[in-house]
Amino acid sequence: MANDLNRCEFIGRAGRDPEIRYTQAGKAVANWSIAVGWKSANGEGVTWVSCAAFDRLAEIVGEYVRKGSQMYIAGKFDTQKYTDKEGAERTATKIVVQQLQLLSRSDEGAREPPQERAQPRRKPTPQPTVMEAFDDDEIPF
């Protein structure tokens, strides 16, 4: 098994604000889902991917991820079996996120309306320089 690989990568948008909980030991756990669009010759659609993050990454998710935030995630595929309230056995799959990069602007999907931003200063456009006259014989080719 030393040559096996369990790695998944997705780019998608958060379908809801993440749910943040803490274990009895005080470790953060974040759960959310992302919508990953796809297109083929036969049509297009969306696949929903369940995500979980732990510890400091879970806290970062809780702080910055909002419904509609576009992100890149990478992690490992995880499957868990459980018994539901009616006694039926179920299987849940999710991505245990190990890397996260937000791709949308920081104010997209924010809970409060974004503050009006000051316009950035533009750097002065450099003026073209006049080339001094040169002799064609100075060109090496």
N, C-alpha and C. Protein backbone atom coordinates (compact mmCIF):
# COMPACT_ATOMS: atom_id res chain seq x y z
N MET A 1 0.80 -1.20 0.00
CA MET A 1 0.00 0.00 0.00
C MET A 1 0.84 1.26 0.00
N ALA A 2 2.13 1.15 0.01
CA ALA A 2 2.99 2.31 0.09
C ALA A 2 2.87 3.22 -1.13
N ASN A 3 2.41 2.67 -2.26
CA ASN A 3 2.31 3.46 -3.47
C ASN A 3 0.89 3.95 -3.74
N ASP A 4 -0.02 3.80 -2.78
CA ASP A 4 -1.39 4.26 -2.97
C ASP A 4 -1.49 5.76 -2.75
N LEU A 5 -2.51 6.35 -3.32
CA LEU A 5 -2.72 7.79 -3.20
C LEU A 5 -4.20 8.07 -2.98
N ASN A 6 -4.51 8.84 -1.97
CA ASN A 6 -5.87 9.27 -1.69
C ASN A 6 -5.86 10.79 -1.67
N ARG A 7 -6.13 11.41 -2.81
CA ARG A 7 -6.11 12.87 -2.92
C ARG A 7 -7.19 13.30 -3.89
N CYS A 8 -7.95 14.30 -3.48
CA CYS A 8 -9.01 14.87 -4.31
C CYS A 8 -8.79 16.38 -4.38
N GLU A 9 -9.10 16.97 -5.53
CA GLU A 9 -8.99 18.41 -5.71
C GLU A 9 -10.26 18.91 -6.40
N PHE A 10 -10.78 20.02 -5.91
CA PHE A 10 -11.99 20.60 -6.48
C PHE A 10 -11.89 22.11 -6.48
N ILE A 11 -12.57 22.73 -7.44
CA ILE A 11 -12.84 24.17 -7.41
C ILE A 11 -14.35 24.30 -7.46
N GLY A 12 -14.90 25.01 -6.50
CA GLY A 12 -16.34 25.17 -6.45
C GLY A 12 -16.72 26.33 -5.56
N ARG A 13 -18.03 26.46 -5.34
CA ARG A 13 -18.56 27.54 -4.50
C ARG A 13 -19.30 26.96 -3.31
N ALA A 14 -19.13 27.59 -2.16
CA ALA A 14 -19.79 27.14 -0.94
C ALA A 14 -21.30 27.26 -1.11
N GLY A 15 -22.01 26.18 -0.80
CA GLY A 15 -23.46 26.17 -0.92
C GLY A 15 -24.16 26.78 0.28
N ARG A 16 -23.44 26.91 1.37
CA ARG A 16 -23.98 27.49 2.60
C ARG A 16 -22.82 27.96 3.46
N ASP A 17 -23.12 28.74 4.47
CA ASP A 17 -22.08 29.11 5.42
C ASP A 17 -21.62 27.84 6.15
N PRO A 18 -20.34 27.73 6.46
CA PRO A 18 -19.87 26.54 7.15
C PRO A 18 -20.44 26.45 8.56
N GLU A 19 -20.56 25.22 9.02
CA GLU A 19 -21.00 24.94 10.39
C GLU A 19 -19.76 24.64 11.21
N ILE A 20 -19.51 25.41 12.26
CA ILE A 20 -18.31 25.24 13.08
C ILE A 20 -18.73 24.69 14.44
N ARG A 21 -18.07 23.62 14.84
CA ARG A 21 -18.31 23.03 16.16
C ARG A 21 -16.96 22.81 16.82
N TYR A 22 -17.00 22.53 18.11
CA TYR A 22 -15.77 22.26 18.85
C TYR A 22 -15.92 20.94 19.60
N THR A 23 -14.87 20.13 19.58
CA THR A 23 -14.88 18.87 20.31
C THR A 23 -14.74 19.16 21.80
N GLN A 24 -14.91 18.13 22.62
CA GLN A 24 -14.74 18.30 24.06
C GLN A 24 -13.32 18.73 24.40
N ALA A 25 -12.38 18.36 23.54
CA ALA A 25 -10.98 18.75 23.76
C ALA A 25 -10.69 20.16 23.26
N GLY A 26 -11.71 20.84 22.69
CA GLY A 26 -11.53 22.21 22.23
C GLY A 26 -11.04 22.35 20.80
N LYS A 27 -10.99 21.27 20.05
CA LYS A 27 -10.54 21.34 18.65
C LYS A 27 -11.71 21.73 17.75
N ALA A 28 -11.44 22.60 16.79
CA ALA A 28 -12.48 23.08 15.88
C ALA A 28 -12.72 22.07 14.77
N VAL A 29 -14.00 21.96 14.36
CA VAL A 29 -14.41 21.11 13.25
C VAL A 29 -15.35 21.94 12.37
N ALA A 30 -15.05 22.04 11.08
CA ALA A 30 -15.89 22.78 10.14
C ALA A 30 -16.51 21.81 9.15
N ASN A 31 -17.79 21.98 8.88
CA ASN A 31 -18.49 21.18 7.87
C ASN A 31 -19.22 22.13 6.93
N TRP A 32 -19.09 21.90 5.63
CA TRP A 32 -19.79 22.68 4.63
C TRP A 32 -19.80 21.87 3.34
N SER A 33 -20.45 22.38 2.33
CA SER A 33 -20.46 21.70 1.04
C SER A 33 -20.18 22.72 -0.05
N ILE A 34 -19.61 22.23 -1.15
CA ILE A 34 -19.36 23.09 -2.30
C ILE A 34 -20.06 22.52 -3.52
N ALA A 35 -20.49 23.41 -4.38
CA ALA A 35 -21.09 23.03 -5.66
C ALA A 35 -20.00 23.09 -6.72
N VAL A 36 -19.81 21.96 -7.41
CA VAL A 36 -18.80 21.87 -8.46
C VAL A 36 -19.54 21.65 -9.78
N GLY A 37 -19.48 22.64 -10.65
CA GLY A 37 -20.16 22.54 -11.93
C GLY A 37 -19.40 21.68 -12.92
N TRP A 38 -20.14 21.04 -13.82
CA TRP A 38 -19.52 20.24 -14.88
C TRP A 38 -20.32 20.41 -16.16
N LYS A 39 -19.64 20.17 -17.26
CA LYS A 39 -20.27 20.30 -18.57
C LYS A 39 -19.72 19.21 -19.47
N SER A 40 -20.61 18.58 -20.24
CA SER A 40 -20.19 17.57 -21.20
C SER A 40 -21.01 17.75 -22.47
N ALA A 41 -20.78 16.90 -23.44
CA ALA A 41 -21.52 16.98 -24.70
C ALA A 41 -23.01 16.68 -24.48
N ASN A 42 -23.33 15.93 -23.44
CA ASN A 42 -24.71 15.55 -23.16
C ASN A 42 -25.46 16.52 -22.26
N GLY A 43 -24.79 17.51 -21.71
CA GLY A 43 -25.45 18.48 -20.84
C GLY A 43 -24.49 19.04 -19.81
N GLU A 44 -25.09 19.64 -18.79
CA GLU A 44 -24.28 20.21 -17.72
C GLU A 44 -25.02 20.04 -16.41
N GLY A 45 -24.30 20.20 -15.31
CA GLY A 45 -24.93 20.04 -14.01
C GLY A 45 -23.99 20.44 -12.89
N VAL A 46 -24.41 20.09 -11.69
CA VAL A 46 -23.65 20.43 -10.49
C VAL A 46 -23.53 19.17 -9.64
N THR A 47 -22.35 18.96 -9.10
CA THR A 47 -22.12 17.89 -8.13
C THR A 47 -21.83 18.55 -6.79
N TRP A 48 -22.50 18.08 -5.75
CA TRP A 48 -22.28 18.62 -4.41
C TRP A 48 -21.24 17.78 -3.70
N VAL A 49 -20.25 18.43 -3.12
CA VAL A 49 -19.16 17.76 -2.43
C VAL A 49 -19.18 18.20 -0.97
N SER A 50 -19.33 17.23 -0.07
CA SER A 50 -19.29 17.51 1.37
C SER A 50 -17.84 17.67 1.81
N CYS A 51 -17.59 18.66 2.66
CA CYS A 51 -16.23 18.98 3.09
C CYS A 51 -16.17 19.05 4.61
N ALA A 52 -15.02 18.69 5.15
CA ALA A 52 -14.76 18.81 6.58
C ALA A 52 -13.32 19.28 6.75
N ALA A 53 -13.12 20.15 7.72
CA ALA A 53 -11.76 20.61 8.06
C ALA A 53 -11.63 20.58 9.57
N PHE A 54 -10.41 20.47 10.05
CA PHE A 54 -10.16 20.34 11.47
C PHE A 54 -9.11 21.35 11.94
N ASP A 55 -9.12 21.58 13.24
CA ASP A 55 -8.13 22.40 13.93
C ASP A 55 -8.07 23.83 13.36
N ARG A 56 -6.88 24.34 13.12
CA ARG A 56 -6.71 25.73 12.68
C ARG A 56 -7.37 25.98 11.33
N LEU A 57 -7.30 25.01 10.42
CA LEU A 57 -7.94 25.18 9.11
C LEU A 57 -9.45 25.33 9.27
N ALA A 58 -10.05 24.63 10.20
CA ALA A 58 -11.49 24.77 10.47
C ALA A 58 -11.81 26.17 10.97
N GLU A 59 -10.97 26.73 11.81
CA GLU A 59 -11.18 28.10 12.30
C GLU A 59 -11.08 29.10 11.15
N ILE A 60 -10.14 28.90 10.25
CA ILE A 60 -9.99 29.78 9.09
C ILE A 60 -11.22 29.69 8.20
N VAL A 61 -11.72 28.47 7.99
CA VAL A 61 -12.94 28.28 7.20
C VAL A 61 -14.09 29.06 7.83
N GLY A 62 -14.24 28.94 9.15
CA GLY A 62 -15.31 29.65 9.84
C GLY A 62 -15.19 31.15 9.74
N GLU A 63 -13.98 31.64 9.66
CA GLU A 63 -13.75 33.08 9.61
C GLU A 63 -13.95 33.67 8.21
N TYR A 64 -13.57 32.94 7.17
CA TYR A 64 -13.52 33.53 5.84
C TYR A 64 -14.49 32.95 4.81
N VAL A 65 -14.94 31.72 4.97
CA VAL A 65 -15.81 31.11 3.97
C VAL A 65 -17.26 31.49 4.24
N ARG A 66 -17.94 31.92 3.21
CA ARG A 66 -19.36 32.27 3.27
C ARG A 66 -20.06 31.62 2.09
N LYS A 67 -21.36 31.53 2.17
CA LYS A 67 -22.14 31.01 1.05
C LYS A 67 -21.78 31.79 -0.20
N GLY A 68 -21.46 31.08 -1.28
CA GLY A 68 -21.08 31.71 -2.54
C GLY A 68 -19.59 31.90 -2.72
N SER A 69 -18.78 31.73 -1.67
CA SER A 69 -17.33 31.89 -1.80
C SER A 69 -16.78 30.83 -2.73
N GLN A 70 -15.98 31.26 -3.71
CA GLN A 70 -15.34 30.30 -4.60
C GLN A 70 -14.01 29.90 -3.98
N MET A 71 -13.70 28.60 -4.06
CA MET A 71 -12.49 28.11 -3.42
C MET A 71 -11.91 26.90 -4.14
N TYR A 72 -10.63 26.70 -3.93
CA TYR A 72 -9.94 25.48 -4.33
C TYR A 72 -9.73 24.70 -3.05
N ILE A 73 -10.08 23.42 -3.06
CA ILE A 73 -9.81 22.57 -1.92
C ILE A 73 -9.07 21.33 -2.39
N ALA A 74 -8.23 20.80 -1.52
CA ALA A 74 -7.55 19.54 -1.77
C ALA A 74 -7.51 18.78 -0.46
N GLY A 75 -7.70 17.48 -0.56
CA GLY A 75 -7.69 16.67 0.65
C GLY A 75 -7.88 15.21 0.32
N LYS A 76 -8.27 14.46 1.33
CA LYS A 76 -8.44 13.03 1.12
C LYS A 76 -9.92 12.65 1.16
N PHE A 77 -10.25 11.65 0.37
CA PHE A 77 -11.60 11.12 0.28
C PHE A 77 -11.84 10.24 1.50
N ASP A 78 -12.99 10.43 2.18
CA ASP A 78 -13.28 9.67 3.39
C ASP A 78 -14.71 9.15 3.33
N THR A 79 -14.91 7.90 3.72
CA THR A 79 -16.23 7.28 3.76
C THR A 79 -16.49 6.78 5.17
N GLN A 80 -17.68 7.09 5.70
CA GLN A 80 -18.05 6.61 7.03
C GLN A 80 -19.41 5.94 6.96
N LYS A 81 -19.55 4.82 7.65
CA LYS A 81 -20.84 4.13 7.75
C LYS A 81 -21.45 4.47 9.10
N TYR A 82 -22.77 4.66 9.10
CA TYR A 82 -23.47 4.96 10.34
C TYR A 82 -24.89 4.43 10.25
N THR A 83 -25.56 4.39 11.39
CA THR A 83 -26.95 3.95 11.45
C THR A 83 -27.81 5.17 11.73
N ASP A 84 -28.82 5.41 10.88
CA ASP A 84 -29.68 6.58 11.05
C ASP A 84 -30.72 6.35 12.16
N LYS A 85 -31.59 7.32 12.39
CA LYS A 85 -32.58 7.27 13.47
C LYS A 85 -33.56 6.11 13.31
N GLU A 86 -33.82 5.72 12.07
CA GLU A 86 -34.75 4.61 11.81
C GLU A 86 -34.07 3.25 11.87
N GLY A 87 -32.77 3.22 12.11
CA GLY A 87 -32.04 1.97 12.20
C GLY A 87 -31.45 1.48 10.89
N ALA A 88 -31.58 2.25 9.83
CA ALA A 88 -31.02 1.85 8.53
C ALA A 88 -29.55 2.23 8.47
N GLU A 89 -28.75 1.37 7.86
CA GLU A 89 -27.33 1.67 7.70
C GLU A 89 -27.14 2.61 6.52
N ARG A 90 -26.34 3.62 6.71
CA ARG A 90 -26.07 4.64 5.69
C ARG A 90 -24.57 4.79 5.51
N THR A 91 -24.22 5.37 4.39
CA THR A 91 -22.82 5.68 4.10
C THR A 91 -22.72 7.16 3.75
N ALA A 92 -21.77 7.85 4.36
CA ALA A 92 -21.53 9.27 4.08
C ALA A 92 -20.12 9.42 3.53
N THR A 93 -20.00 10.18 2.46
CA THR A 93 -18.68 10.46 1.89
C THR A 93 -18.41 11.94 2.01
N LYS A 94 -17.16 12.28 2.22
CA LYS A 94 -16.75 13.68 2.33
C LYS A 94 -15.28 13.80 1.99
N ILE A 95 -14.87 15.02 1.78
CA ILE A 95 -13.46 15.33 1.57
C ILE A 95 -12.94 15.93 2.87
N VAL A 96 -11.91 15.33 3.42
CA VAL A 96 -11.25 15.91 4.59
C VAL A 96 -10.22 16.89 4.03
N VAL A 97 -10.54 18.16 4.14
CA VAL A 97 -9.76 19.21 3.49
C VAL A 97 -8.44 19.41 4.22
N GLN A 98 -7.36 19.38 3.44
CA GLN A 98 -6.03 19.61 3.97
C GLN A 98 -5.43 20.90 3.44
N GLN A 99 -5.93 21.36 2.28
CA GLN A 99 -5.50 22.63 1.68
C GLN A 99 -6.73 23.39 1.23
N LEU A 100 -6.71 24.70 1.41
CA LEU A 100 -7.81 25.56 1.00
C LEU A 100 -7.23 26.86 0.48
N GLN A 101 -7.75 27.29 -0.66
CA GLN A 101 -7.37 28.60 -1.17
C GLN A 101 -8.64 29.28 -1.65
N LEU A 102 -8.95 30.44 -1.08
CA LEU A 102 -10.11 31.20 -1.52
C LEU A 102 -9.79 31.87 -2.83
N LEU A 103 -10.71 31.75 -3.79
CA LEU A 103 -10.48 32.31 -5.12
C LEU A 103 -11.33 33.54 -5.38
N SER A 104 -12.38 33.75 -4.60
CA SER A 104 -13.22 34.92 -4.80
C SER A 104 -12.69 36.07 -3.94
N ARG A 105 -13.13 37.27 -4.28
CA ARG A 105 -12.71 38.44 -3.51
C ARG A 105 -13.18 38.28 -2.07
N SER A 106 -12.49 38.96 -1.17
CA SER A 106 -12.80 38.81 0.25
C SER A 106 -14.19 39.33 0.60
N ASP A 107 -14.75 40.25 -0.19
CA ASP A 107 -16.07 40.78 0.16
C ASP A 107 -17.21 40.03 -0.52
N GLU A 108 -16.94 39.03 -1.36
CA GLU A 108 -18.00 38.24 -1.97
C GLU A 108 -18.55 37.29 -0.93
N GLY A 109 -19.85 37.29 -0.76
CA GLY A 109 -20.48 36.39 0.17
C GLY A 109 -20.33 36.82 1.63
N ALA A 110 -19.83 38.01 1.87
CA ALA A 110 -19.65 38.47 3.24
C ALA A 110 -21.00 38.74 3.89
N ARG A 111 -21.07 38.64 5.20
CA ARG A 111 -22.33 38.84 5.91
C ARG A 111 -22.74 40.30 5.94
N GLU A 112 -21.79 41.19 6.00
CA GLU A 112 -22.10 42.61 6.02
C GLU A 112 -21.80 43.19 4.65
N PRO A 113 -22.54 44.25 4.25
CA PRO A 113 -22.22 44.85 2.96
C PRO A 113 -20.81 45.41 2.97
N PRO A 114 -20.09 45.28 1.85
CA PRO A 114 -18.71 45.76 1.82
C PRO A 114 -18.65 47.28 1.96
N GLN A 115 -17.61 47.75 2.63
CA GLN A 115 -17.38 49.18 2.76
C GLN A 115 -16.91 49.73 1.43
N GLU A 116 -17.26 50.96 1.16
CA GLU A 116 -16.77 51.57 -0.08
C GLU A 116 -15.27 51.76 0.05
N ARG A 117 -14.58 51.35 -0.95
CA ARG A 117 -13.12 51.38 -0.90
C ARG A 117 -12.58 52.62 -1.59
N ALA A 118 -11.46 53.08 -1.07
CA ALA A 118 -10.79 54.21 -1.73
C ALA A 118 -10.18 53.70 -3.03
N GLN A 119 -10.18 54.52 -4.03
CA GLN A 119 -9.60 54.14 -5.31
C GLN A 119 -8.09 54.08 -5.17
N PRO A 120 -7.47 53.03 -5.69
CA PRO A 120 -6.01 52.93 -5.58
C PRO A 120 -5.34 54.01 -6.41
N ARG A 121 -4.20 54.45 -5.92
CA ARG A 121 -3.43 55.44 -6.67
C ARG A 121 -2.84 54.78 -7.90
N ARG A 122 -2.90 55.50 -8.98
CA ARG A 122 -2.29 54.98 -10.19
C ARG A 122 -0.87 55.51 -10.29
N LYS A 123 0.00 54.63 -10.71
CA LYS A 123 1.38 55.04 -10.89
C LYS A 123 1.47 55.92 -12.13
N PRO A 124 2.31 56.94 -12.09
CA PRO A 124 2.44 57.79 -13.28
C PRO A 124 2.97 56.98 -14.46
N THR A 125 2.40 57.23 -15.61
CA THR A 125 2.83 56.53 -16.81
C THR A 125 4.18 57.09 -17.25
N PRO A 126 5.17 56.22 -17.42
CA PRO A 126 6.47 56.74 -17.84
C PRO A 126 6.40 57.29 -19.26
N GLN A 127 7.08 58.38 -19.44
CA GLN A 127 7.12 59.01 -20.76
C GLN A 127 8.10 58.25 -21.64
N PRO A 128 7.74 58.07 -22.91
CA PRO A 128 8.68 57.36 -23.79
C PRO A 128 9.96 58.16 -23.96
N THR A 129 11.05 57.44 -24.01
CA THR A 129 12.34 58.12 -24.18
C THR A 129 12.66 58.18 -25.67
N VAL A 130 13.33 59.23 -26.05
CA VAL A 130 13.73 59.40 -27.44
C VAL A 130 15.07 58.70 -27.61
N MET A 131 15.09 57.81 -28.58
CA MET A 131 16.34 57.09 -28.82
C MET A 131 17.31 58.00 -29.55
N GLU A 132 18.54 57.91 -29.12
CA GLU A 132 19.56 58.69 -29.78
C GLU A 132 19.86 58.05 -31.14
N ALA A 133 20.29 58.85 -32.04
CA ALA A 133 20.62 58.34 -33.37
C ALA A 133 21.79 57.36 -33.26
N PHE A 134 21.72 56.30 -34.03
CA PHE A 134 22.81 55.34 -34.03
C PHE A 134 23.08 54.92 -35.47
N ASP A 135 24.22 54.36 -35.64
CA ASP A 135 24.67 53.94 -36.95
C ASP A 135 24.31 52.47 -37.15
N ASP A 136 23.78 52.10 -38.35
CA ASP A 136 23.40 50.73 -38.62
C ASP A 136 24.59 49.78 -38.50
N ASP A 137 25.77 50.29 -38.64
CA ASP A 137 26.96 49.43 -38.55
C ASP A 137 27.19 48.93 -37.12
N GLU A 138 26.53 49.57 -36.13
CA GLU A 138 26.72 49.15 -34.75
C GLU A 138 25.89 47.93 -34.39
N ILE A 139 24.93 47.54 -35.24
CA ILE A 139 24.07 46.39 -34.96
C ILE A 139 24.88 45.13 -35.28
N PRO A 140 24.93 44.17 -34.34
CA PRO A 140 25.80 43.00 -34.56
C PRO A 140 25.24 41.95 -35.50
N PHE A 141 24.07 42.07 -36.05
CA PHE A 141 23.55 41.06 -36.98
C PHE A 141 23.22 41.63 -38.32
